[in-house]
Amino acid sequence: MEQSQIDRINELARKSRTQKLSEAELQEQKELRAKYVSAFRASLVSTLENTYIVDEKGNKTKIKRKQQ
């Protein structure tokens, strides 16, 4: 996600505290927030896929996804 999109999310959030947003702005805010959450989740999954647990003997074990 680009910094300009994050700045726009923050700008709309500040504006919503002082006045009511238009329908177009509410829709834009909703779409930007969805993109942000998606990017955050992708980053988190990537981090967890490259995470290992090291036991007391020094053995590395890759984290496994929990069965749903």
PDB file of N, CA and C in Angstrom:
ATOM      1  N   MET A   1       0.848  -1.167   0.000  1.00  0.00           N
ATOM      2  CA  MET A   1       0.000   0.000   0.000  1.00  0.00           C
ATOM      3  C   MET A   1       0.893   1.230   0.000  1.00  0.00           C
ATOM      4  N   GLU A   2       0.553   2.175  -0.820  1.00  0.00           N
ATOM      5  CA  GLU A   2       1.355   3.385  -0.945  1.00  0.00           C
ATOM      6  C   GLU A   2       1.103   4.350   0.209  1.00  0.00           C
ATOM      7  N   GLN A   3       2.108   5.140   0.510  1.00  0.00           N
ATOM      8  CA  GLN A   3       2.002   6.104   1.601  1.00  0.00           C
ATOM      9  C   GLN A   3       0.903   7.124   1.338  1.00  0.00           C
ATOM     10  N   SER A   4       0.698   7.484   0.071  1.00  0.00           N
ATOM     11  CA  SER A   4      -0.341   8.463  -0.263  1.00  0.00           C
ATOM     12  C   SER A   4      -1.731   7.923   0.089  1.00  0.00           C
ATOM     13  N   GLN A   5      -1.926   6.607  -0.051  1.00  0.00           N
ATOM     14  CA  GLN A   5      -3.211   6.014   0.314  1.00  0.00           C
ATOM     15  C   GLN A   5      -3.405   6.017   1.827  1.00  0.00           C
ATOM     16  N   ILE A   6      -2.346   5.748   2.559  1.00  0.00           N
ATOM     17  CA  ILE A   6      -2.421   5.779   4.021  1.00  0.00           C
ATOM     18  C   ILE A   6      -2.695   7.202   4.494  1.00  0.00           C
ATOM     19  N   ASP A   7      -2.044   8.173   3.871  1.00  0.00           N
ATOM     20  CA  ASP A   7      -2.283   9.577   4.213  1.00  0.00           C
ATOM     21  C   ASP A   7      -3.736   9.958   3.954  1.00  0.00           C
ATOM     22  N   ARG A   8      -4.305   9.439   2.864  1.00  0.00           N
ATOM     23  CA  ARG A   8      -5.705   9.744   2.535  1.00  0.00           C
ATOM     24  C   ARG A   8      -6.635   9.116   3.562  1.00  0.00           C
ATOM     25  N   ILE A   9      -6.339   7.903   4.015  1.00  0.00           N
ATOM     26  CA  ILE A   9      -7.144   7.272   5.070  1.00  0.00           C
ATOM     27  C   ILE A   9      -7.146   8.155   6.313  1.00  0.00           C
ATOM     28  N   ASN A  10      -5.970   8.626   6.701  1.00  0.00           N
ATOM     29  CA  ASN A  10      -5.853   9.473   7.890  1.00  0.00           C
ATOM     30  C   ASN A  10      -6.571  10.807   7.698  1.00  0.00           C
ATOM     31  N   GLU A  11      -6.469  11.361   6.499  1.00  0.00           N
ATOM     32  CA  GLU A  11      -7.145  12.627   6.209  1.00  0.00           C
ATOM     33  C   GLU A  11      -8.662  12.467   6.332  1.00  0.00           C
ATOM     34  N   LEU A  12      -9.199  11.392   5.793  1.00  0.00           N
ATOM     35  CA  LEU A  12     -10.646  11.156   5.889  1.00  0.00           C
ATOM     36  C   LEU A  12     -11.065  10.890   7.332  1.00  0.00           C
ATOM     37  N   ALA A  13     -10.229  10.215   8.088  1.00  0.00           N
ATOM     38  CA  ALA A  13     -10.547   9.954   9.499  1.00  0.00           C
ATOM     39  C   ALA A  13     -10.600  11.256  10.291  1.00  0.00           C
ATOM     40  N   ARG A  14      -9.618  12.146  10.048  1.00  0.00           N
ATOM     41  CA  ARG A  14      -9.631  13.449  10.735  1.00  0.00           C
ATOM     42  C   ARG A  14     -10.855  14.271  10.338  1.00  0.00           C
ATOM     43  N   LYS A  15     -11.178  14.240   9.068  1.00  0.00           N
ATOM     44  CA  LYS A  15     -12.328  15.008   8.576  1.00  0.00           C
ATOM     45  C   LYS A  15     -13.629  14.479   9.167  1.00  0.00           C
ATOM     46  N   SER A  16     -13.725  13.151   9.322  1.00  0.00           N
ATOM     47  CA  SER A  16     -14.962  12.561   9.851  1.00  0.00           C
ATOM     48  C   SER A  16     -15.192  12.934  11.310  1.00  0.00           C
ATOM     49  N   ARG A  17     -14.126  13.288  12.027  1.00  0.00           N
ATOM     50  CA  ARG A  17     -14.282  13.704  13.425  1.00  0.00           C
ATOM     51  C   ARG A  17     -14.862  15.099  13.551  1.00  0.00           C
ATOM     52  N   THR A  18     -14.645  15.927  12.537  1.00  0.00           N
ATOM     53  CA  THR A  18     -15.098  17.317  12.615  1.00  0.00           C
ATOM     54  C   THR A  18     -16.372  17.578  11.837  1.00  0.00           C
ATOM     55  N   GLN A  19     -16.604  16.797  10.777  1.00  0.00           N
ATOM     56  CA  GLN A  19     -17.813  16.997   9.980  1.00  0.00           C
ATOM     57  C   GLN A  19     -18.223  15.685   9.340  1.00  0.00           C
ATOM     58  N   LYS A  20     -19.428  15.682   8.799  1.00  0.00           N
ATOM     59  CA  LYS A  20     -19.948  14.477   8.175  1.00  0.00           C
ATOM     60  C   LYS A  20     -19.344  14.313   6.784  1.00  0.00           C
ATOM     61  N   LEU A  21     -18.946  13.072   6.461  1.00  0.00           N
ATOM     62  CA  LEU A  21     -18.375  12.790   5.150  1.00  0.00           C
ATOM     63  C   LEU A  21     -19.488  12.579   4.124  1.00  0.00           C
ATOM     64  N   SER A  22     -19.193  12.926   2.885  1.00  0.00           N
ATOM     65  CA  SER A  22     -20.157  12.692   1.809  1.00  0.00           C
ATOM     66  C   SER A  22     -20.202  11.196   1.493  1.00  0.00           C
ATOM     67  N   GLU A  23     -21.197  10.795   0.726  1.00  0.00           N
ATOM     68  CA  GLU A  23     -21.318   9.382   0.354  1.00  0.00           C
ATOM     69  C   GLU A  23     -20.093   8.903  -0.418  1.00  0.00           C
ATOM     70  N   ALA A  24     -19.575   9.733  -1.312  1.00  0.00           N
ATOM     71  CA  ALA A  24     -18.392   9.372  -2.094  1.00  0.00           C
ATOM     72  C   ALA A  24     -17.176   9.193  -1.180  1.00  0.00           C
ATOM     73  N   GLU A  25     -17.043  10.082  -0.200  1.00  0.00           N
ATOM     74  CA  GLU A  25     -15.923   9.990   0.739  1.00  0.00           C
ATOM     75  C   GLU A  25     -16.052   8.757   1.629  1.00  0.00           C
ATOM     76  N   LEU A  26     -17.282   8.441   2.056  1.00  0.00           N
ATOM     77  CA  LEU A  26     -17.490   7.241   2.871  1.00  0.00           C
ATOM     78  C   LEU A  26     -17.128   5.985   2.087  1.00  0.00           C
ATOM     79  N   GLN A  27     -17.507   5.943   0.810  1.00  0.00           N
ATOM     80  CA  GLN A  27     -17.183   4.796  -0.031  1.00  0.00           C
ATOM     81  C   GLN A  27     -15.673   4.689  -0.237  1.00  0.00           C
ATOM     82  N   GLU A  28     -15.029   5.844  -0.484  1.00  0.00           N
ATOM     83  CA  GLU A  28     -13.575   5.862  -0.657  1.00  0.00           C
ATOM     84  C   GLU A  28     -12.885   5.377   0.610  1.00  0.00           C
ATOM     85  N   GLN A  29     -13.355   5.832   1.763  1.00  0.00           N
ATOM     86  CA  GLN A  29     -12.773   5.435   3.046  1.00  0.00           C
ATOM     87  C   GLN A  29     -12.921   3.927   3.254  1.00  0.00           C
ATOM     88  N   LYS A  30     -14.080   3.398   2.928  1.00  0.00           N
ATOM     89  CA  LYS A  30     -14.326   1.967   3.077  1.00  0.00           C
ATOM     90  C   LYS A  30     -13.388   1.149   2.195  1.00  0.00           C
ATOM     91  N   GLU A  31     -13.219   1.572   0.940  1.00  0.00           N
ATOM     92  CA  GLU A  31     -12.342   0.859   0.009  1.00  0.00           C
ATOM     93  C   GLU A  31     -10.880   0.939   0.449  1.00  0.00           C
ATOM     94  N   LEU A  32     -10.445   2.121   0.890  1.00  0.00           N
ATOM     95  CA  LEU A  32      -9.063   2.275   1.333  1.00  0.00           C
ATOM     96  C   LEU A  32      -8.774   1.443   2.575  1.00  0.00           C
ATOM     97  N   ARG A  33      -9.729   1.412   3.493  1.00  0.00           N
ATOM     98  CA  ARG A  33      -9.545   0.607   4.701  1.00  0.00           C
ATOM     99  C   ARG A  33      -9.464  -0.874   4.364  1.00  0.00           C
ATOM    100  N   ALA A  34     -10.282  -1.335   3.418  1.00  0.00           N
ATOM    101  CA  ALA A  34     -10.250  -2.740   3.011  1.00  0.00           C
ATOM    102  C   ALA A  34      -8.889  -3.078   2.387  1.00  0.00           C
ATOM    103  N   LYS A  35      -8.355  -2.181   1.561  1.00  0.00           N
ATOM    104  CA  LYS A  35      -7.036  -2.391   0.967  1.00  0.00           C
ATOM    105  C   LYS A  35      -5.960  -2.437   2.042  1.00  0.00           C
ATOM    106  N   TYR A  36      -6.070  -1.555   3.048  1.00  0.00           N
ATOM    107  CA  TYR A  36      -5.094  -1.503   4.126  1.00  0.00           C
ATOM    108  C   TYR A  36      -5.106  -2.810   4.922  1.00  0.00           C
ATOM    109  N   VAL A  37      -6.285  -3.287   5.264  1.00  0.00           N
ATOM    110  CA  VAL A  37      -6.404  -4.520   6.035  1.00  0.00           C
ATOM    111  C   VAL A  37      -5.850  -5.699   5.232  1.00  0.00           C
ATOM    112  N   SER A  38      -6.136  -5.727   3.944  1.00  0.00           N
ATOM    113  CA  SER A  38      -5.630  -6.785   3.081  1.00  0.00           C
ATOM    114  C   SER A  38      -4.104  -6.766   3.030  1.00  0.00           C
ATOM    115  N   ALA A  39      -3.518  -5.598   2.886  1.00  0.00           N
ATOM    116  CA  ALA A  39      -2.059  -5.468   2.843  1.00  0.00           C
ATOM    117  C   ALA A  39      -1.445  -5.861   4.188  1.00  0.00           C
ATOM    118  N   PHE A  40      -2.097  -5.478   5.282  1.00  0.00           N
ATOM    119  CA  PHE A  40      -1.608  -5.825   6.619  1.00  0.00           C
ATOM    120  C   PHE A  40      -1.613  -7.333   6.811  1.00  0.00           C
ATOM    121  N   ARG A  41      -2.707  -7.987   6.419  1.00  0.00           N
ATOM    122  CA  ARG A  41      -2.801  -9.442   6.563  1.00  0.00           C
ATOM    123  C   ARG A  41      -1.743 -10.146   5.725  1.00  0.00           C
ATOM    124  N   ALA A  42      -1.537  -9.686   4.500  1.00  0.00           N
ATOM    125  CA  ALA A  42      -0.528 -10.300   3.629  1.00  0.00           C
ATOM    126  C   ALA A  42       0.857 -10.170   4.249  1.00  0.00           C
ATOM    127  N   SER A  43       1.145  -9.022   4.835  1.00  0.00           N
ATOM    128  CA  SER A  43       2.428  -8.809   5.492  1.00  0.00           C
ATOM    129  C   SER A  43       2.583  -9.730   6.693  1.00  0.00           C
ATOM    130  N   LEU A  44       1.537  -9.882   7.468  1.00  0.00           N
ATOM    131  CA  LEU A  44       1.573 -10.745   8.644  1.00  0.00           C
ATOM    132  C   LEU A  44       1.773 -12.208   8.246  1.00  0.00           C
ATOM    133  N   VAL A  45       1.054 -12.663   7.228  1.00  0.00           N
ATOM    134  CA  VAL A  45       1.199 -14.041   6.759  1.00  0.00           C
ATOM    135  C   VAL A  45       2.623 -14.276   6.280  1.00  0.00           C
ATOM    136  N   SER A  46       3.171 -13.330   5.547  1.00  0.00           N
ATOM    137  CA  SER A  46       4.540 -13.452   5.053  1.00  0.00           C
ATOM    138  C   SER A  46       5.530 -13.567   6.212  1.00  0.00           C
ATOM    139  N   THR A  47       5.339 -12.754   7.223  1.00  0.00           N
ATOM    140  CA  THR A  47       6.216 -12.802   8.397  1.00  0.00           C
ATOM    141  C   THR A  47       6.111 -14.149   9.106  1.00  0.00           C
ATOM    142  N   LEU A  48       4.888 -14.630   9.280  1.00  0.00           N
ATOM    143  CA  LEU A  48       4.696 -15.899   9.990  1.00  0.00           C
ATOM    144  C   LEU A  48       5.214 -17.087   9.191  1.00  0.00           C
ATOM    145  N   GLU A  49       5.157 -17.016   7.858  1.00  0.00           N
ATOM    146  CA  GLU A  49       5.669 -18.108   7.028  1.00  0.00           C
ATOM    147  C   GLU A  49       7.189 -18.217   7.126  1.00  0.00           C
ATOM    148  N   ASN A  50       7.834 -17.158   7.541  1.00  0.00           N
ATOM    149  CA  ASN A  50       9.288 -17.161   7.672  1.00  0.00           C
ATOM    150  C   ASN A  50       9.734 -17.146   9.131  1.00  0.00           C
ATOM    151  N   THR A  51       8.877 -17.630  10.021  1.00  0.00           N
ATOM    152  CA  THR A  51       9.175 -17.650  11.443  1.00  0.00           C
ATOM    153  C   THR A  51       9.428 -19.078  11.906  1.00  0.00           C
ATOM    154  N   TYR A  52      10.459 -19.244  12.700  1.00  0.00           N
ATOM    155  CA  TYR A  52      10.819 -20.543  13.249  1.00  0.00           C
ATOM    156  C   TYR A  52      10.862 -20.437  14.768  1.00  0.00           C
ATOM    157  N   ILE A  53      10.550 -21.557  15.415  1.00  0.00           N
ATOM    158  CA  ILE A  53      10.664 -21.645  16.869  1.00  0.00           C
ATOM    159  C   ILE A  53      11.918 -22.459  17.157  1.00  0.00           C
ATOM    160  N   VAL A  54      12.761 -21.947  18.044  1.00  0.00           N
ATOM    161  CA  VAL A  54      13.988 -22.640  18.409  1.00  0.00           C
ATOM    162  C   VAL A  54      13.809 -23.199  19.817  1.00  0.00           C
ATOM    163  N   ASP A  55      13.949 -24.522  19.944  1.00  0.00           N
ATOM    164  CA  ASP A  55      13.802 -25.132  21.262  1.00  0.00           C
ATOM    165  C   ASP A  55      15.108 -25.023  22.050  1.00  0.00           C
ATOM    166  N   GLU A  56      15.101 -25.588  23.269  1.00  0.00           N
ATOM    167  CA  GLU A  56      16.262 -25.446  24.152  1.00  0.00           C
ATOM    168  C   GLU A  56      17.503 -26.160  23.621  1.00  0.00           C
ATOM    169  N   LYS A  57      17.338 -27.120  22.714  1.00  0.00           N
ATOM    170  CA  LYS A  57      18.475 -27.822  22.121  1.00  0.00           C
ATOM    171  C   LYS A  57      19.004 -27.116  20.878  1.00  0.00           C
ATOM    172  N   GLY A  58      18.347 -26.065  20.473  1.00  0.00           N
ATOM    173  CA  GLY A  58      18.779 -25.318  19.303  1.00  0.00           C
ATOM    174  C   GLY A  58      18.157 -25.789  17.998  1.00  0.00           C
ATOM    175  N   ASN A  59      17.179 -26.687  18.078  1.00  0.00           N
ATOM    176  CA  ASN A  59      16.509 -27.179  16.881  1.00  0.00           C
ATOM    177  C   ASN A  59      15.474 -26.164  16.399  1.00  0.00           C
ATOM    178  N   LYS A  60      15.506 -25.911  15.109  1.00  0.00           N
ATOM    179  CA  LYS A  60      14.530 -24.982  14.525  1.00  0.00           C
ATOM    180  C   LYS A  60      13.327 -25.761  14.011  1.00  0.00           C
ATOM    181  N   THR A  61      12.139 -25.254  14.346  1.00  0.00           N
ATOM    182  CA  THR A  61      10.896 -25.859  13.869  1.00  0.00           C
ATOM    183  C   THR A  61      10.069 -24.768  13.208  1.00  0.00           C
ATOM    184  N   LYS A  62       9.683 -25.020  11.951  1.00  0.00           N
ATOM    185  CA  LYS A  62       8.865 -24.047  11.235  1.00  0.00           C
ATOM    186  C   LYS A  62       7.461 -24.033  11.818  1.00  0.00           C
ATOM    187  N   ILE A  63       6.880 -22.863  11.921  1.00  0.00           N
ATOM    188  CA  ILE A  63       5.518 -22.732  12.427  1.00  0.00           C
ATOM    189  C   ILE A  63       4.562 -23.318  11.393  1.00  0.00           C
ATOM    190  N   LYS A  64       3.634 -24.131  11.853  1.00  0.00           N
ATOM    191  CA  LYS A  64       2.645 -24.733  10.962  1.00  0.00           C
ATOM    192  C   LYS A  64       1.316 -24.042  11.127  1.00  0.00           C
ATOM    193  N   ARG A  65       0.585 -23.946  10.026  1.00  0.00           N
ATOM    194  CA  ARG A  65      -0.737 -23.333  10.052  1.00  0.00           C
ATOM    195  C   ARG A  65      -1.689 -24.260  10.783  1.00  0.00           C
ATOM    196  N   LYS A  66      -2.506 -23.691  11.654  1.00  0.00           N
ATOM    197  CA  LYS A  66      -3.463 -24.461  12.427  1.00  0.00           C
ATOM    198  C   LYS A  66      -4.587 -24.935  11.501  1.00  0.00           C
ATOM    199  N   GLN A  67      -4.999 -26.183  11.660  1.00  0.00           N
ATOM    200  CA  GLN A  67      -6.093 -26.710  10.843  1.00  0.00           C
ATOM    201  C   GLN A  67      -7.406 -26.076  11.285  1.00  0.00           C
ATOM    202  N   GLN A  68      -8.190 -25.677  10.300  1.00  0.00           N
ATOM    203  CA  GLN A  68      -9.457 -25.004  10.630  1.00  0.00           C
ATOM    204  C   GLN A  68     -10.623 -25.938  10.537  1.00  0.00           C
TER     205      GLN A  68
END
